[in-house]
Amino acid sequence: MADGGRVEAFRVEKSMPAGLASAAGRPSWGWAAPLQPQSPHRTSIMQSGFIKSRVAAGAIAPWSIAAFTGNRNEVAQATGSTTGLAGITDYLGIDAVCADRMVDLQLTEVADVKAGGTIAPGDPITSDANGAAIKAVKAVGAEVFCIGIAQEPAVVGDVFGVLVSPFVITA
């Protein structure tokens, strides 16, 4: 792009009422910083859906599945499919959220998550040991907690869409 890739949310119109524009000519009531891409696969910062902030019990990576810890309003990065899954983190702007910090979890609609294995559209999705999304497999005598249904194919490391709709597969 000729302007160095900078994106403005909107432009100042000449008819804008006096006092609403800053010295830089941007509206003082809503100019947004340039968007930072989430990954090579995505271009928006947040997906639509219900977002809930909770306290992180430890480091939680972007685009990962979070699990309940048992403490009120606290989550940790999921470490498998044997505990209740709380939601999916989105682009965090950093490598990971640290312990005792707030993390936003997407609880509904289509959320972006990082694949930990090969995924096909329609696969039930659960967490691997690192909070990445993998295909849920029914296990005899065990409950498999799932976070939702894959909406597109993916391989290890891809960020892909999952329809968030938690459920449990029982033997």
Protein backbone atom coordinates (compact mmCIF):
# COMPACT_ATOMS: atom_id res chain seq x y z
CA MET A 1 0.00 0.00 0.00
CA ALA A 2 1.23 3.49 -0.79
CA ASP A 3 0.62 4.67 2.78
CA GLY A 4 2.79 1.95 4.33
CA GLY A 5 -0.08 -0.40 5.20
CA ARG A 6 -1.74 2.00 7.64
CA VAL A 7 -5.49 1.59 7.98
CA GLU A 8 -7.78 4.20 9.50
CA ALA A 9 -11.20 3.31 10.86
CA PHE A 10 -12.74 6.32 9.11
CA ARG A 11 -11.73 9.68 7.66
CA VAL A 12 -12.50 13.17 8.96
CA GLU A 13 -15.17 14.93 6.91
CA LYS A 14 -15.01 18.70 6.30
CA SER A 15 -18.53 18.99 7.69
CA MET A 16 -17.50 17.56 11.09
CA PRO A 17 -18.63 19.84 13.95
CA ALA A 18 -15.91 22.01 15.46
CA GLY A 19 -14.25 20.56 18.54
CA LEU A 20 -14.59 16.90 17.55
CA ALA A 21 -11.36 16.69 15.54
CA SER A 22 -7.98 16.47 17.23
CA ALA A 23 -4.95 18.48 16.14
CA ALA A 24 -3.99 15.59 13.85
CA GLY A 25 -7.32 15.91 12.04
CA ARG A 26 -8.69 12.66 13.46
CA PRO A 27 -11.95 12.59 15.37
CA SER A 28 -11.21 12.65 19.09
CA TRP A 29 -14.16 10.33 19.74
CA GLY A 30 -13.33 7.16 17.86
CA TRP A 31 -10.22 7.02 15.74
CA ALA A 32 -8.86 3.48 15.88
CA ALA A 33 -5.23 2.41 15.71
CA PRO A 34 -4.22 0.39 12.66
CA LEU A 35 -5.42 -3.21 12.83
CA GLN A 36 -2.79 -5.86 13.45
CA PRO A 37 -3.42 -9.14 11.62
CA GLN A 38 -3.98 -12.16 13.85
CA SER A 39 -2.14 -14.62 11.68
CA PRO A 40 -1.40 -15.25 8.02
CA HIS A 41 -4.90 -16.81 7.87
CA ARG A 42 -6.97 -14.07 9.49
CA THR A 43 -7.42 -10.33 9.03
CA SER A 44 -9.73 -9.25 11.87
CA ILE A 45 -8.87 -8.73 15.52
CA MET A 46 -11.92 -10.26 17.23
CA GLN A 47 -14.61 -12.60 16.02
CA SER A 48 -18.21 -11.83 16.83
CA GLY A 49 -19.77 -13.75 19.68
CA PHE A 50 -20.23 -13.58 23.42
CA ILE A 51 -16.91 -12.68 25.08
CA LYS A 52 -16.34 -13.22 28.82
CA SER A 53 -13.26 -12.07 30.74
CA ARG A 54 -11.87 -14.40 33.38
CA VAL A 55 -8.71 -14.53 35.51
CA ALA A 56 -5.90 -16.67 34.08
CA ALA A 57 -4.48 -19.19 36.57
CA GLY A 58 -1.30 -19.46 34.49
CA ALA A 59 0.04 -18.64 31.05
CA ILE A 60 -2.58 -18.96 28.30
CA ALA A 61 -1.56 -18.69 24.63
CA PRO A 62 -3.50 -16.93 21.87
CA TRP A 63 -6.02 -19.02 19.90
CA SER A 64 -6.04 -21.76 22.53
CA ILE A 65 -8.71 -23.63 24.45
CA ALA A 66 -9.14 -22.74 28.12
CA ALA A 67 -10.52 -24.97 30.87
CA PHE A 68 -12.22 -24.29 34.18
CA THR A 69 -9.98 -24.58 37.27
CA GLY A 70 -12.66 -25.00 39.92
CA ASN A 71 -12.08 -21.51 41.32
CA ARG A 72 -14.70 -18.85 40.65
CA ASN A 73 -14.09 -16.92 37.39
CA GLU A 74 -10.68 -18.56 36.88
CA VAL A 75 -9.43 -20.51 33.86
CA ALA A 76 -6.23 -22.19 32.75
CA GLN A 77 -4.95 -23.32 29.39
CA ALA A 78 -6.64 -26.67 28.73
CA THR A 79 -4.45 -29.75 29.11
CA GLY A 80 -6.71 -32.40 27.61
CA SER A 81 -10.27 -33.54 27.11
CA THR A 82 -11.06 -34.80 30.62
CA THR A 83 -12.18 -31.53 32.23
CA GLY A 84 -14.80 -28.90 31.41
CA LEU A 85 -13.72 -26.53 28.64
CA ALA A 86 -14.47 -22.85 29.28
CA GLY A 87 -13.95 -21.15 25.90
CA ILE A 88 -11.40 -20.11 23.31
CA THR A 89 -8.90 -17.27 23.59
CA ASP A 90 -8.55 -14.92 20.64
CA TYR A 91 -5.67 -12.83 19.37
CA LEU A 92 -4.09 -11.52 22.58
CA GLY A 93 -1.59 -9.11 21.04
CA ILE A 94 1.21 -10.88 22.93
CA ASP A 95 2.67 -14.37 23.17
CA ALA A 96 0.58 -15.35 26.20
CA VAL A 97 -1.44 -13.96 29.07
CA CYS A 98 0.34 -14.36 32.42
CA ALA A 99 -1.10 -15.68 35.67
CA ASP A 100 -3.50 -13.41 37.57
CA ARG A 101 -4.25 -11.35 34.44
CA MET A 102 -7.61 -11.13 32.71
CA VAL A 103 -8.11 -13.14 29.52
CA ASP A 104 -11.03 -12.82 27.10
CA LEU A 105 -12.75 -16.06 26.14
CA GLN A 106 -15.14 -16.47 23.25
CA LEU A 107 -18.12 -18.53 24.43
CA THR A 108 -20.40 -18.57 21.36
CA GLU A 109 -20.44 -18.43 17.56
CA VAL A 110 -17.35 -19.12 15.40
CA ALA A 111 -14.02 -18.61 17.18
CA ASP A 112 -10.48 -18.93 15.84
CA VAL A 113 -8.31 -21.63 17.44
CA LYS A 114 -4.90 -23.14 16.67
CA ALA A 115 -4.88 -26.73 15.39
CA GLY A 116 -2.87 -29.39 17.20
CA GLY A 117 -3.61 -32.07 14.59
CA THR A 118 -5.38 -32.71 11.30
CA ILE A 119 -8.95 -31.40 11.36
CA ALA A 120 -11.83 -31.88 8.91
CA PRO A 121 -14.97 -29.73 8.76
CA GLY A 122 -17.62 -31.20 11.06
CA ASP A 123 -15.12 -32.84 13.44
CA PRO A 124 -15.93 -32.53 17.15
CA ILE A 125 -13.12 -30.47 18.72
CA THR A 126 -11.39 -30.92 22.07
CA SER A 127 -8.03 -29.88 23.54
CA ASP A 128 -4.64 -31.54 23.41
CA ALA A 129 -2.13 -31.25 26.28
CA ASN A 130 -1.13 -27.74 25.10
CA GLY A 131 -4.58 -26.17 24.63
CA ALA A 132 -4.53 -26.67 20.85
CA ALA A 133 -7.56 -28.03 19.00
CA ILE A 134 -7.68 -31.70 18.02
CA LYS A 135 -10.41 -34.04 16.80
CA ALA A 136 -12.29 -35.56 19.74
CA VAL A 137 -12.27 -39.36 19.80
CA LYS A 138 -14.75 -41.39 21.84
CA ALA A 139 -13.01 -43.37 24.59
CA VAL A 140 -14.56 -46.41 26.27
CA GLY A 141 -15.57 -45.64 29.84
CA ALA A 142 -14.51 -41.98 29.66
CA GLU A 143 -16.13 -38.62 29.11
CA VAL A 144 -14.60 -36.48 26.36
CA PHE A 145 -15.27 -32.76 26.84
CA CYS A 146 -15.59 -30.90 23.52
CA ILE A 147 -15.54 -27.17 22.82
CA GLY A 148 -17.38 -27.26 19.48
CA ILE A 149 -17.49 -28.29 15.82
CA ALA A 150 -14.81 -27.52 13.19
CA GLN A 151 -16.02 -25.25 10.41
CA GLU A 152 -13.05 -25.65 8.08
CA PRO A 153 -10.10 -28.01 7.48
CA ALA A 154 -6.79 -27.45 9.27
CA VAL A 155 -3.42 -29.05 9.95
CA VAL A 156 -1.02 -28.58 12.87
CA GLY A 157 -0.34 -24.89 13.50
CA ASP A 158 -3.21 -23.53 11.39
CA VAL A 159 -5.65 -21.06 12.92
CA PHE A 160 -9.15 -22.15 11.90
CA GLY A 161 -12.81 -21.59 12.78
CA VAL A 162 -14.73 -23.61 15.37
CA LEU A 163 -18.42 -23.18 16.13
CA VAL A 164 -18.29 -22.89 19.93
CA SER A 165 -20.94 -25.19 21.39
CA PRO A 166 -19.55 -27.17 24.34
CA PHE A 167 -20.77 -30.74 24.77
CA VAL A 168 -19.61 -34.06 26.24
CA ILE A 169 -19.15 -37.37 24.41
CA THR A 170 -19.87 -40.32 26.70
CA ALA A 171 -19.10 -43.98 26.18
